[in-house]
Amino acid sequence: MMRSIWRKEKGFTLIELLIVVAIIGILAGIAVPRLSKSTEAAKEGACKANMSTLVSAIETYKAIEGSYPSSLDNLVSEGYIKEVPTCPSGSSNDSGSDQYEYNLSDGDYTLTCPNGHTL
């Protein structure tokens, strides 16, 4: 018996592979920017939740102790929170700190995130 000169080989052509790689590249180009936006939104939401928790602890402290705490560390030492949270978004200020800023003046307080959110 004679073997056929033209054997039928199985596999993909170079053009087919290039088309698949191009389609995957286009889909990745669409997905990556959306993913980074959702990550930033999640960090901002976590920052606002941390600030809300701090405000709740500060107000509870005032209700029980009769005055606002002099610093956020007082909330930890008195057992109102386990630790002072840090901003999940990181720092965008000049000091490089990712800590929330608490200022007490004239019987009232301000709580500021390193990214500028204020409560």
Protein backbone atom coordinates (compact mmCIF):
# COMPACT_ATOMS: atom_id res chain seq x y z
CA MET A 1 0.00 0.00 0.00
CA MET A 2 1.12 3.48 -0.74
CA ARG A 3 1.07 6.18 1.79
CA SER A 4 -0.57 9.41 0.87
CA ILE A 5 1.83 12.29 0.32
CA TRP A 6 -0.63 14.77 1.77
CA ARG A 7 -1.37 13.77 5.34
CA LYS A 8 -4.18 15.54 7.09
CA GLU A 9 -2.60 17.13 10.17
CA LYS A 10 -4.68 18.37 13.07
CA GLY A 11 -4.03 21.74 14.68
CA PHE A 12 -4.61 25.46 14.40
CA THR A 13 -3.25 27.77 11.79
CA LEU A 14 -1.22 30.83 12.68
CA ILE A 15 -4.07 33.11 11.58
CA GLU A 16 -6.54 31.38 13.89
CA LEU A 17 -4.17 31.73 16.83
CA LEU A 18 -3.57 35.42 16.08
CA ILE A 19 -7.30 36.09 15.97
CA VAL A 20 -7.83 34.39 19.34
CA VAL A 21 -4.96 36.33 20.93
CA ALA A 22 -6.35 39.61 19.51
CA ILE A 23 -9.82 38.88 20.93
CA ILE A 24 -8.36 38.08 24.37
CA GLY A 25 -6.33 41.31 24.24
CA ILE A 26 -9.42 43.38 23.41
CA LEU A 27 -11.42 41.80 26.24
CA ALA A 28 -8.57 42.38 28.71
CA GLY A 29 -8.32 46.00 27.57
CA ILE A 30 -11.98 46.47 28.41
CA ALA A 31 -11.91 44.64 31.75
CA VAL A 32 -8.78 46.13 33.38
CA PRO A 33 -9.96 49.79 33.58
CA ARG A 34 -13.30 48.72 34.99
CA LEU A 35 -11.58 46.61 37.62
CA SER A 36 -9.37 49.48 38.77
CA LYS A 37 -12.38 51.80 39.07
CA SER A 38 -14.27 49.28 41.19
CA THR A 39 -11.21 48.83 43.42
CA GLU A 40 -11.03 52.57 44.07
CA ALA A 41 -14.76 52.69 44.81
CA ALA A 42 -14.39 49.82 47.29
CA LYS A 43 -11.51 51.59 49.06
CA GLU A 44 -13.54 54.80 49.30
CA GLY A 45 -16.48 52.85 50.72
CA ALA A 46 -14.23 51.20 53.30
CA CYS A 47 -12.82 54.60 54.25
CA LYS A 48 -16.31 56.00 54.81
CA ALA A 49 -17.26 52.92 56.85
CA ASN A 50 -14.14 53.36 59.02
CA MET A 51 -15.01 57.00 59.59
CA SER A 52 -18.58 56.07 60.50
CA THR A 53 -17.28 53.55 63.03
CA LEU A 54 -14.97 56.16 64.53
CA VAL A 55 -17.81 58.70 64.78
CA SER A 56 -19.97 56.09 66.50
CA ALA A 57 -17.19 55.29 68.99
CA ILE A 58 -16.55 59.01 69.63
CA GLU A 59 -20.23 59.69 70.28
CA THR A 60 -20.49 56.63 72.56
CA TYR A 61 -17.43 57.85 74.47
CA LYS A 62 -19.06 61.28 74.91
CA ALA A 63 -22.33 59.76 76.07
CA ILE A 64 -20.61 57.65 78.72
CA GLU A 65 -17.68 59.84 79.76
CA GLY A 66 -19.38 63.23 79.42
CA SER A 67 -16.85 64.77 77.02
CA TYR A 68 -15.20 64.00 73.71
CA PRO A 69 -11.91 62.06 73.80
CA SER A 70 -8.76 64.14 73.49
CA SER A 71 -7.38 61.75 70.85
CA LEU A 72 -8.37 58.61 68.96
CA ASP A 73 -5.91 56.66 71.10
CA ASN A 74 -8.20 57.30 74.09
CA LEU A 75 -10.88 55.26 72.32
CA VAL A 76 -8.48 52.33 72.18
CA SER A 77 -7.21 52.64 75.75
CA GLU A 78 -10.75 52.89 77.12
CA GLY A 79 -11.95 49.88 75.10
CA TYR A 80 -14.34 51.59 72.68
CA ILE A 81 -12.46 50.25 69.65
CA LYS A 82 -9.72 47.61 69.31
CA GLU A 83 -7.39 49.79 67.23
CA VAL A 84 -7.46 53.02 65.29
CA PRO A 85 -8.12 52.07 61.66
CA THR A 86 -6.02 53.36 58.79
CA CYS A 87 -7.36 54.69 55.53
CA PRO A 88 -7.49 51.84 52.98
CA SER A 89 -7.00 54.31 50.14
CA GLY A 90 -3.58 55.23 51.46
CA SER A 91 -2.26 58.72 51.73
CA SER A 92 -2.69 61.57 49.31
CA ASN A 93 -1.49 64.26 51.70
CA ASP A 94 1.98 65.73 52.12
CA SER A 95 2.72 64.07 55.46
CA GLY A 96 2.55 60.57 53.99
CA SER A 97 0.33 59.36 56.83
CA ASP A 98 -2.66 57.10 56.26
CA GLN A 99 -4.11 57.81 59.72
CA TYR A 100 -7.39 59.62 60.27
CA GLU A 101 -6.95 63.11 61.69
CA TYR A 102 -9.02 63.95 64.77
CA ASN A 103 -9.21 67.55 65.98
CA LEU A 104 -11.05 68.62 69.10
CA SER A 105 -11.81 72.32 69.57
CA ASP A 106 -14.48 74.35 71.32
CA GLY A 107 -16.40 71.30 72.49
CA ASP A 108 -16.75 69.85 68.99
CA TYR A 109 -14.56 67.71 66.76
CA THR A 110 -13.65 67.11 63.15
CA LEU A 111 -12.58 63.79 61.70
CA THR A 112 -10.67 63.90 58.41
CA CYS A 113 -9.46 61.15 56.11
CA PRO A 114 -6.01 61.49 54.49
CA ASN A 115 -7.83 61.74 51.15
CA GLY A 116 -9.93 64.67 52.31
CA HIS A 117 -13.22 63.05 53.33
CA THR A 118 -14.58 64.80 56.42
CA LEU A 119 -17.22 63.89 58.98
